């Protein structure tokens, strides 16, 4: 059970912060990035 929990946490982190970390900016858009809110 402990291994399954760790695997679940790893999958969540992968999709939450790795896969969803990629983004695009459309032609009619501009973007600004903040680091720790700045």
ModelCIF file with pLDDT and N, C-alpha, C, O atoms, coordinates in Angstrom:
data_MODEL
#
_entry.id   MODEL 
#
_entity.id                         1 
_entity.type                       polymer 
_entity.pdbx_number_of_molecules   1 
#
_entity_poly.entity_id                      1 
_entity_poly.type                           'polypeptide(L)' 
_entity_poly.nstd_linkage                   no 
_entity_poly.nstd_monomer                   no 
_entity_poly.pdbx_seq_one_letter_code       
;(UNK)(UNK)(UNK)(UNK)(UNK)(UNK)(UNK)(UNK)(UNK)(UNK)(UNK)(UNK)(UNK)(UNK)(UNK)(UNK)
(UNK)(UNK)(UNK)(UNK)(UNK)(UNK)(UNK)(UNK)(UNK)(UNK)(UNK)(UNK)(UNK)(UNK)(UNK)(UNK)
(UNK)(UNK)(UNK)(UNK)(UNK)(UNK)
;
_entity_poly.pdbx_seq_one_letter_code_can   XXXXXXXXXXXXXXXXXXXXXXXXXXXXXXXXXXXXXX 
_entity_poly.pdbx_strand_id                 A 
#
loop_
_entity_poly_seq.entity_id 
_entity_poly_seq.num 
_entity_poly_seq.mon_id 
_entity_poly_seq.hetero 
1 1  UNK n 
1 2  UNK n 
1 3  UNK n 
1 4  UNK n 
1 5  UNK n 
1 6  UNK n 
1 7  UNK n 
1 8  UNK n 
1 9  UNK n 
1 10 UNK n 
1 11 UNK n 
1 12 UNK n 
1 13 UNK n 
1 14 UNK n 
1 15 UNK n 
1 16 UNK n 
1 17 UNK n 
1 18 UNK n 
1 19 UNK n 
1 20 UNK n 
1 21 UNK n 
1 22 UNK n 
1 23 UNK n 
1 24 UNK n 
1 25 UNK n 
1 26 UNK n 
1 27 UNK n 
1 28 UNK n 
1 29 UNK n 
1 30 UNK n 
1 31 UNK n 
1 32 UNK n 
1 33 UNK n 
1 34 UNK n 
1 35 UNK n 
1 36 UNK n 
1 37 UNK n 
1 38 UNK n 
#
_struct_asym.id          A 
_struct_asym.entity_id   1 
#
loop_
_ma_qa_metric.id 
_ma_qa_metric.mode 
_ma_qa_metric.name 
_ma_qa_metric.software_group_id 
_ma_qa_metric.type 
1 global pLDDT . pLDDT 
2 local  pLDDT . pLDDT 
#
_ma_qa_metric_global.metric_id      1 
_ma_qa_metric_global.metric_value   77.58 
_ma_qa_metric_global.model_id       1 
_ma_qa_metric_global.ordinal_id     1 
#
loop_
_ma_qa_metric_local.label_asym_id 
_ma_qa_metric_local.label_comp_id 
_ma_qa_metric_local.label_seq_id 
_ma_qa_metric_local.metric_id 
_ma_qa_metric_local.metric_value 
_ma_qa_metric_local.model_id 
_ma_qa_metric_local.ordinal_id 
A UNK 1  2 68.00 1 1  
A UNK 2  2 69.00 1 2  
A UNK 3  2 73.00 1 3  
A UNK 4  2 63.00 1 4  
A UNK 5  2 70.00 1 5  
A UNK 6  2 69.00 1 6  
A UNK 7  2 71.00 1 7  
A UNK 8  2 70.00 1 8  
A UNK 9  2 69.00 1 9  
A UNK 10 2 72.00 1 10 
A UNK 11 2 67.00 1 11 
A UNK 12 2 66.00 1 12 
A UNK 13 2 67.00 1 13 
A UNK 14 2 64.00 1 14 
A UNK 15 2 64.00 1 15 
A UNK 16 2 65.00 1 16 
A UNK 17 2 64.00 1 17 
A UNK 18 2 68.00 1 18 
A UNK 19 2 62.00 1 19 
A UNK 20 2 70.00 1 20 
A UNK 21 2 78.00 1 21 
A UNK 22 2 84.00 1 22 
A UNK 23 2 86.00 1 23 
A UNK 24 2 89.00 1 24 
A UNK 25 2 90.00 1 25 
A UNK 26 2 90.00 1 26 
A UNK 27 2 89.00 1 27 
A UNK 28 2 89.00 1 28 
A UNK 29 2 91.00 1 29 
A UNK 30 2 91.00 1 30 
A UNK 31 2 92.00 1 31 
A UNK 32 2 92.00 1 32 
A UNK 33 2 91.00 1 33 
A UNK 34 2 91.00 1 34 
A UNK 35 2 90.00 1 35 
A UNK 36 2 89.00 1 36 
A UNK 37 2 86.00 1 37 
A UNK 38 2 89.00 1 38 
#
loop_
_atom_site.group_PDB 
_atom_site.id 
_atom_site.type_symbol 
_atom_site.label_atom_id 
_atom_site.label_alt_id 
_atom_site.label_comp_id 
_atom_site.label_asym_id 
_atom_site.label_entity_id 
_atom_site.label_seq_id 
_atom_site.pdbx_PDB_ins_code 
_atom_site.Cartn_x 
_atom_site.Cartn_y 
_atom_site.Cartn_z 
_atom_site.occupancy 
_atom_site.B_iso_or_equiv 
_atom_site.pdbx_formal_charge 
_atom_site.auth_seq_id 
_atom_site.auth_comp_id 
_atom_site.auth_asym_id 
_atom_site.auth_atom_id 
_atom_site.pdbx_PDB_model_num 
ATOM 1   N N  . UNK A 1 1  ? 0.818  -1.202 0.000   1.00 68.00 ? 1  UNK A N  1 
ATOM 2   C CA . UNK A 1 1  ? 0.000  0.000  0.000   1.00 68.00 ? 1  UNK A CA 1 
ATOM 3   C C  . UNK A 1 1  ? 0.857  1.258  0.000   1.00 68.00 ? 1  UNK A C  1 
ATOM 4   O O  . UNK A 1 1  ? 0.512  2.248  -0.646  1.00 68.00 ? 1  UNK A O  1 
ATOM 5   N N  . UNK A 1 2  ? 1.953  1.222  0.710   1.00 69.00 ? 2  UNK A N  1 
ATOM 6   C CA . UNK A 1 2  ? 2.846  2.360  0.790   1.00 69.00 ? 2  UNK A CA 1 
ATOM 7   C C  . UNK A 1 2  ? 3.451  2.660  -0.583  1.00 69.00 ? 2  UNK A C  1 
ATOM 8   O O  . UNK A 1 2  ? 3.598  3.820  -0.971  1.00 69.00 ? 2  UNK A O  1 
ATOM 9   N N  . UNK A 1 3  ? 3.802  1.582  -1.320  1.00 73.00 ? 3  UNK A N  1 
ATOM 10  C CA . UNK A 1 3  ? 4.376  1.764  -2.660  1.00 73.00 ? 3  UNK A CA 1 
ATOM 11  C C  . UNK A 1 3  ? 3.333  2.379  -3.601  1.00 73.00 ? 3  UNK A C  1 
ATOM 12  O O  . UNK A 1 3  ? 3.650  3.270  -4.389  1.00 73.00 ? 3  UNK A O  1 
ATOM 13  N N  . UNK A 1 4  ? 2.066  1.890  -3.511  1.00 63.00 ? 4  UNK A N  1 
ATOM 14  C CA . UNK A 1 4  ? 1.002  2.439  -4.359  1.00 63.00 ? 4  UNK A CA 1 
ATOM 15  C C  . UNK A 1 4  ? 0.758  3.932  -4.064  1.00 63.00 ? 4  UNK A C  1 
ATOM 16  O O  . UNK A 1 4  ? 0.503  4.743  -4.954  1.00 63.00 ? 4  UNK A O  1 
ATOM 17  N N  . UNK A 1 5  ? 0.851  4.240  -2.760  1.00 70.00 ? 5  UNK A N  1 
ATOM 18  C CA . UNK A 1 5  ? 0.661  5.644  -2.384  1.00 70.00 ? 5  UNK A CA 1 
ATOM 19  C C  . UNK A 1 5  ? 1.750  6.513  -2.984  1.00 70.00 ? 5  UNK A C  1 
ATOM 20  O O  . UNK A 1 5  ? 1.483  7.594  -3.508  1.00 70.00 ? 5  UNK A O  1 
ATOM 21  N N  . UNK A 1 6  ? 2.978  6.028  -2.901  1.00 69.00 ? 6  UNK A N  1 
ATOM 22  C CA . UNK A 1 6  ? 4.094  6.800  -3.462  1.00 69.00 ? 6  UNK A CA 1 
ATOM 23  C C  . UNK A 1 6  ? 3.963  6.927  -4.977  1.00 69.00 ? 6  UNK A C  1 
ATOM 24  O O  . UNK A 1 6  ? 4.249  7.977  -5.552  1.00 69.00 ? 6  UNK A O  1 
ATOM 25  N N  . UNK A 1 7  ? 3.525  5.842  -5.611  1.00 71.00 ? 7  UNK A N  1 
ATOM 26  C CA . UNK A 1 7  ? 3.337  5.912  -7.059  1.00 71.00 ? 7  UNK A CA 1 
ATOM 27  C C  . UNK A 1 7  ? 2.237  6.904  -7.421  1.00 71.00 ? 7  UNK A C  1 
ATOM 28  O O  . UNK A 1 7  ? 2.362  7.651  -8.392  1.00 71.00 ? 7  UNK A O  1 
ATOM 29  N N  . UNK A 1 8  ? 1.166  6.909  -6.643  1.00 70.00 ? 8  UNK A N  1 
ATOM 30  C CA . UNK A 1 8  ? 0.087  7.859  -6.904  1.00 70.00 ? 8  UNK A CA 1 
ATOM 31  C C  . UNK A 1 8  ? 0.546  9.302  -6.739  1.00 70.00 ? 8  UNK A C  1 
ATOM 32  O O  . UNK A 1 8  ? 0.222  10.178 -7.541  1.00 70.00 ? 8  UNK A O  1 
ATOM 33  N N  . UNK A 1 9  ? 1.320  9.522  -5.662  1.00 69.00 ? 9  UNK A N  1 
ATOM 34  C CA . UNK A 1 9  ? 1.852  10.878 -5.452  1.00 69.00 ? 9  UNK A CA 1 
ATOM 35  C C  . UNK A 1 9  ? 2.776  11.269 -6.604  1.00 69.00 ? 9  UNK A C  1 
ATOM 36  O O  . UNK A 1 9  ? 2.754  12.408 -7.071  1.00 69.00 ? 9  UNK A O  1 
ATOM 37  N N  . UNK A 1 10 ? 3.595  10.306 -7.058  1.00 72.00 ? 10 UNK A N  1 
ATOM 38  C CA . UNK A 1 10 ? 4.501  10.608 -8.164  1.00 72.00 ? 10 UNK A CA 1 
ATOM 39  C C  . UNK A 1 10 ? 3.761  10.941 -9.442  1.00 72.00 ? 10 UNK A C  1 
ATOM 40  O O  . UNK A 1 10 ? 4.135  11.873 -10.154 1.00 72.00 ? 10 UNK A O  1 
ATOM 41  N N  . UNK A 1 11 ? 2.684  10.168 -9.748  1.00 67.00 ? 11 UNK A N  1 
ATOM 42  C CA . UNK A 1 11 ? 1.893  10.447 -10.941 1.00 67.00 ? 11 UNK A CA 1 
ATOM 43  C C  . UNK A 1 11 ? 1.215  11.818 -10.837 1.00 67.00 ? 11 UNK A C  1 
ATOM 44  O O  . UNK A 1 11 ? 1.160  12.568 -11.812 1.00 67.00 ? 11 UNK A O  1 
ATOM 45  N N  . UNK A 1 12 ? 0.698  12.136 -9.638  1.00 66.00 ? 12 UNK A N  1 
ATOM 46  C CA . UNK A 1 12 ? 0.050  13.441 -9.440  1.00 66.00 ? 12 UNK A CA 1 
ATOM 47  C C  . UNK A 1 12 ? 1.041  14.579 -9.662  1.00 66.00 ? 12 UNK A C  1 
ATOM 48  O O  . UNK A 1 12 ? 0.739  15.569 -10.329 1.00 66.00 ? 12 UNK A O  1 
ATOM 49  N N  . UNK A 1 13 ? 2.234  14.412 -9.085  1.00 67.00 ? 13 UNK A N  1 
ATOM 50  C CA . UNK A 1 13 ? 3.254  15.461 -9.245  1.00 67.00 ? 13 UNK A CA 1 
ATOM 51  C C  . UNK A 1 13 ? 3.662  15.584 -10.707 1.00 67.00 ? 13 UNK A C  1 
ATOM 52  O O  . UNK A 1 13 ? 3.897  16.681 -11.214 1.00 67.00 ? 13 UNK A O  1 
ATOM 53  N N  . UNK A 1 14 ? 3.742  14.428 -11.377 1.00 64.00 ? 14 UNK A N  1 
ATOM 54  C CA . UNK A 1 14 ? 4.168  14.457 -12.786 1.00 64.00 ? 14 UNK A CA 1 
ATOM 55  C C  . UNK A 1 14 ? 3.169  15.244 -13.642 1.00 64.00 ? 14 UNK A C  1 
ATOM 56  O O  . UNK A 1 14 ? 3.563  16.116 -14.417 1.00 64.00 ? 14 UNK A O  1 
ATOM 57  N N  . UNK A 1 15 ? 1.890  14.934 -13.500 1.00 64.00 ? 15 UNK A N  1 
ATOM 58  C CA . UNK A 1 15 ? 0.882  15.612 -14.303 1.00 64.00 ? 15 UNK A CA 1 
ATOM 59  C C  . UNK A 1 15 ? 0.635  17.048 -13.834 1.00 64.00 ? 15 UNK A C  1 
ATOM 60  O O  . UNK A 1 15 ? 0.365  17.938 -14.640 1.00 64.00 ? 15 UNK A O  1 
ATOM 61  N N  . UNK A 1 16 ? 0.732  17.258 -12.514 1.00 65.00 ? 16 UNK A N  1 
ATOM 62  C CA . UNK A 1 16 ? 0.433  18.580 -11.969 1.00 65.00 ? 16 UNK A CA 1 
ATOM 63  C C  . UNK A 1 16 ? 1.522  19.582 -12.284 1.00 65.00 ? 16 UNK A C  1 
ATOM 64  O O  . UNK A 1 16 ? 1.230  20.717 -12.661 1.00 65.00 ? 16 UNK A O  1 
ATOM 65  N N  . UNK A 1 17 ? 2.766  19.182 -12.136 1.00 64.00 ? 17 UNK A N  1 
ATOM 66  C CA . UNK A 1 17 ? 3.856  20.159 -12.222 1.00 64.00 ? 17 UNK A CA 1 
ATOM 67  C C  . UNK A 1 17 ? 4.763  19.967 -13.438 1.00 64.00 ? 17 UNK A C  1 
ATOM 68  O O  . UNK A 1 17 ? 5.485  20.888 -13.820 1.00 64.00 ? 17 UNK A O  1 
ATOM 69  N N  . UNK A 1 18 ? 4.733  18.779 -14.051 1.00 68.00 ? 18 UNK A N  1 
ATOM 70  C CA . UNK A 1 18 ? 5.590  18.557 -15.212 1.00 68.00 ? 18 UNK A CA 1 
ATOM 71  C C  . UNK A 1 18 ? 4.781  18.727 -16.503 1.00 68.00 ? 18 UNK A C  1 
ATOM 72  O O  . UNK A 1 18 ? 5.112  19.575 -17.331 1.00 68.00 ? 18 UNK A O  1 
ATOM 73  N N  . UNK A 1 19 ? 3.731  17.933 -16.677 1.00 62.00 ? 19 UNK A N  1 
ATOM 74  C CA . UNK A 1 19 ? 2.933  18.011 -17.890 1.00 62.00 ? 19 UNK A CA 1 
ATOM 75  C C  . UNK A 1 19 ? 2.222  19.356 -17.985 1.00 62.00 ? 19 UNK A C  1 
ATOM 76  O O  . UNK A 1 19 ? 2.232  20.003 -19.033 1.00 62.00 ? 19 UNK A O  1 
ATOM 77  N N  . UNK A 1 20 ? 1.604  19.771 -16.877 1.00 70.00 ? 20 UNK A N  1 
ATOM 78  C CA . UNK A 1 20 ? 0.887  21.047 -16.892 1.00 70.00 ? 20 UNK A CA 1 
ATOM 79  C C  . UNK A 1 20 ? 1.826  22.247 -16.777 1.00 70.00 ? 20 UNK A C  1 
ATOM 80  O O  . UNK A 1 20 ? 1.378  23.393 -16.806 1.00 70.00 ? 20 UNK A O  1 
ATOM 81  N N  . UNK A 1 21 ? 3.104  21.986 -16.648 1.00 78.00 ? 21 UNK A N  1 
ATOM 82  C CA . UNK A 1 21 ? 4.068  23.080 -16.612 1.00 78.00 ? 21 UNK A CA 1 
ATOM 83  C C  . UNK A 1 21 ? 4.354  23.661 -17.976 1.00 78.00 ? 21 UNK A C  1 
ATOM 84  O O  . UNK A 1 21 ? 4.907  24.755 -18.088 1.00 78.00 ? 21 UNK A O  1 
ATOM 85  N N  . UNK A 1 22 ? 3.978  22.931 -19.016 1.00 84.00 ? 22 UNK A N  1 
ATOM 86  C CA . UNK A 1 22 ? 4.148  23.442 -20.372 1.00 84.00 ? 22 UNK A CA 1 
ATOM 87  C C  . UNK A 1 22 ? 2.936  24.294 -20.759 1.00 84.00 ? 22 UNK A C  1 
ATOM 88  O O  . UNK A 1 22 ? 1.801  23.970 -20.412 1.00 84.00 ? 22 UNK A O  1 
ATOM 89  N N  . UNK A 1 23 ? 3.187  25.358 -21.463 1.00 86.00 ? 23 UNK A N  1 
ATOM 90  C CA . UNK A 1 23 ? 2.111  26.254 -21.896 1.00 86.00 ? 23 UNK A CA 1 
ATOM 91  C C  . UNK A 1 23 ? 2.516  26.928 -23.197 1.00 86.00 ? 23 UNK A C  1 
ATOM 92  O O  . UNK A 1 23 ? 3.693  26.973 -23.554 1.00 86.00 ? 23 UNK A O  1 
ATOM 93  N N  . UNK A 1 24 ? 1.527  27.444 -23.888 1.00 89.00 ? 24 UNK A N  1 
ATOM 94  C CA . UNK A 1 24 ? 1.759  28.195 -25.122 1.00 89.00 ? 24 UNK A CA 1 
ATOM 95  C C  . UNK A 1 24 ? 1.081  29.557 -25.004 1.00 89.00 ? 24 UNK A C  1 
ATOM 96  O O  . UNK A 1 24 ? 0.180  29.748 -24.187 1.00 89.00 ? 24 UNK A O  1 
ATOM 97  N N  . UNK A 1 25 ? 1.525  30.491 -25.824 1.00 90.00 ? 25 UNK A N  1 
ATOM 98  C CA . UNK A 1 25 ? 0.950  31.841 -25.885 1.00 90.00 ? 25 UNK A CA 1 
ATOM 99  C C  . UNK A 1 25 ? 0.417  32.043 -27.288 1.00 90.00 ? 25 UNK A C  1 
ATOM 100 O O  . UNK A 1 25 ? 1.167  31.946 -28.260 1.00 90.00 ? 25 UNK A O  1 
ATOM 101 N N  . UNK A 1 26 ? -0.878 32.325 -27.402 1.00 90.00 ? 26 UNK A N  1 
ATOM 102 C CA . UNK A 1 26 ? -1.505 32.503 -28.708 1.00 90.00 ? 26 UNK A CA 1 
ATOM 103 C C  . UNK A 1 26 ? -1.060 33.807 -29.368 1.00 90.00 ? 26 UNK A C  1 
ATOM 104 O O  . UNK A 1 26 ? -0.412 34.653 -28.753 1.00 90.00 ? 26 UNK A O  1 
ATOM 105 N N  . UNK A 1 27 ? -1.431 33.938 -30.637 1.00 89.00 ? 27 UNK A N  1 
ATOM 106 C CA . UNK A 1 27 ? -1.000 35.100 -31.420 1.00 89.00 ? 27 UNK A CA 1 
ATOM 107 C C  . UNK A 1 27 ? -1.556 36.418 -30.883 1.00 89.00 ? 27 UNK A C  1 
ATOM 108 O O  . UNK A 1 27 ? -0.882 37.445 -30.957 1.00 89.00 ? 27 UNK A O  1 
ATOM 109 N N  . UNK A 1 28 ? -2.758 36.401 -30.353 1.00 89.00 ? 28 UNK A N  1 
ATOM 110 C CA . UNK A 1 28 ? -3.359 37.640 -29.840 1.00 89.00 ? 28 UNK A CA 1 
ATOM 111 C C  . UNK A 1 28 ? -3.157 37.791 -28.338 1.00 89.00 ? 28 UNK A C  1 
ATOM 112 O O  . UNK A 1 28 ? -3.892 38.527 -27.679 1.00 89.00 ? 28 UNK A O  1 
ATOM 113 N N  . UNK A 1 29 ? -2.166 37.098 -27.800 1.00 91.00 ? 29 UNK A N  1 
ATOM 114 C CA . UNK A 1 29 ? -1.907 37.140 -26.365 1.00 91.00 ? 29 UNK A CA 1 
ATOM 115 C C  . UNK A 1 29 ? -0.469 37.558 -26.084 1.00 91.00 ? 29 UNK A C  1 
ATOM 116 O O  . UNK A 1 29 ? 0.421  37.412 -26.923 1.00 91.00 ? 29 UNK A O  1 
ATOM 117 N N  . UNK A 1 30 ? -0.270 38.083 -24.881 1.00 91.00 ? 30 UNK A N  1 
ATOM 118 C CA . UNK A 1 30 ? 1.049  38.313 -24.312 1.00 91.00 ? 30 UNK A CA 1 
ATOM 119 C C  . UNK A 1 30 ? 1.026  37.765 -22.899 1.00 91.00 ? 30 UNK A C  1 
ATOM 120 O O  . UNK A 1 30 ? -0.034 37.679 -22.279 1.00 91.00 ? 30 UNK A O  1 
ATOM 121 N N  . UNK A 1 31 ? 2.178  37.399 -22.392 1.00 92.00 ? 31 UNK A N  1 
ATOM 122 C CA . UNK A 1 31 ? 2.228  36.765 -21.074 1.00 92.00 ? 31 UNK A CA 1 
ATOM 123 C C  . UNK A 1 31 ? 3.350  37.358 -20.235 1.00 92.00 ? 31 UNK A C  1 
ATOM 124 O O  . UNK A 1 31 ? 4.356  37.848 -20.749 1.00 92.00 ? 31 UNK A O  1 
ATOM 125 N N  . UNK A 1 32 ? 3.138  37.293 -18.922 1.00 92.00 ? 32 UNK A N  1 
ATOM 126 C CA . UNK A 1 32 ? 4.140  37.734 -17.946 1.00 92.00 ? 32 UNK A CA 1 
ATOM 127 C C  . UNK A 1 32 ? 4.293  36.621 -16.916 1.00 92.00 ? 32 UNK A C  1 
ATOM 128 O O  . UNK A 1 32 ? 3.305  36.070 -16.431 1.00 92.00 ? 32 UNK A O  1 
ATOM 129 N N  . UNK A 1 33 ? 5.531  36.299 -16.589 1.00 91.00 ? 33 UNK A N  1 
ATOM 130 C CA . UNK A 1 33 ? 5.802  35.224 -15.636 1.00 91.00 ? 33 UNK A CA 1 
ATOM 131 C C  . UNK A 1 33 ? 6.252  35.815 -14.303 1.00 91.00 ? 33 UNK A C  1 
ATOM 132 O O  . UNK A 1 33 ? 7.036  36.763 -14.262 1.00 91.00 ? 33 UNK A O  1 
ATOM 133 N N  . UNK A 1 34 ? 5.745  35.241 -13.219 1.00 91.00 ? 34 UNK A N  1 
ATOM 134 C CA . UNK A 1 34 ? 6.153  35.652 -11.876 1.00 91.00 ? 34 UNK A CA 1 
ATOM 135 C C  . UNK A 1 34 ? 6.894  34.503 -11.200 1.00 91.00 ? 34 UNK A C  1 
ATOM 136 O O  . UNK A 1 34 ? 6.598  33.330 -11.427 1.00 91.00 ? 34 UNK A O  1 
ATOM 137 N N  . UNK A 1 35 ? 7.856  34.865 -10.372 1.00 90.00 ? 35 UNK A N  1 
ATOM 138 C CA . UNK A 1 35 ? 8.630  33.907 -9.584  1.00 90.00 ? 35 UNK A CA 1 
ATOM 139 C C  . UNK A 1 35 ? 8.382  34.219 -8.124  1.00 90.00 ? 35 UNK A C  1 
ATOM 140 O O  . UNK A 1 35 ? 8.795  35.269 -7.631  1.00 90.00 ? 35 UNK A O  1 
ATOM 141 N N  . UNK A 1 36 ? 7.703  33.305 -7.421  1.00 89.00 ? 36 UNK A N  1 
ATOM 142 C CA . UNK A 1 36 ? 7.282  33.535 -6.030  1.00 89.00 ? 36 UNK A CA 1 
ATOM 143 C C  . UNK A 1 36 ? 6.489  34.840 -5.900  1.00 89.00 ? 36 UNK A C  1 
ATOM 144 O O  . UNK A 1 36 ? 6.641  35.592 -4.938  1.00 89.00 ? 36 UNK A O  1 
ATOM 145 N N  . UNK A 1 37 ? 5.636  35.080 -6.905  1.00 86.00 ? 37 UNK A N  1 
ATOM 146 C CA . UNK A 1 37 ? 4.745  36.227 -6.865  1.00 86.00 ? 37 UNK A CA 1 
ATOM 147 C C  . UNK A 1 37 ? 5.327  37.520 -7.398  1.00 86.00 ? 37 UNK A C  1 
ATOM 148 O O  . UNK A 1 37 ? 4.605  38.513 -7.477  1.00 86.00 ? 37 UNK A O  1 
ATOM 149 N N  . UNK A 1 38 ? 6.600  37.556 -7.769  1.00 89.00 ? 38 UNK A N  1 
ATOM 150 C CA . UNK A 1 38 ? 7.226  38.772 -8.276  1.00 89.00 ? 38 UNK A CA 1 
ATOM 151 C C  . UNK A 1 38 ? 7.433  38.648 -9.776  1.00 89.00 ? 38 UNK A C  1 
ATOM 152 O O  . UNK A 1 38 ? 7.950  39.570 -10.406 1.00 89.00 ? 38 UNK A O  1 
#
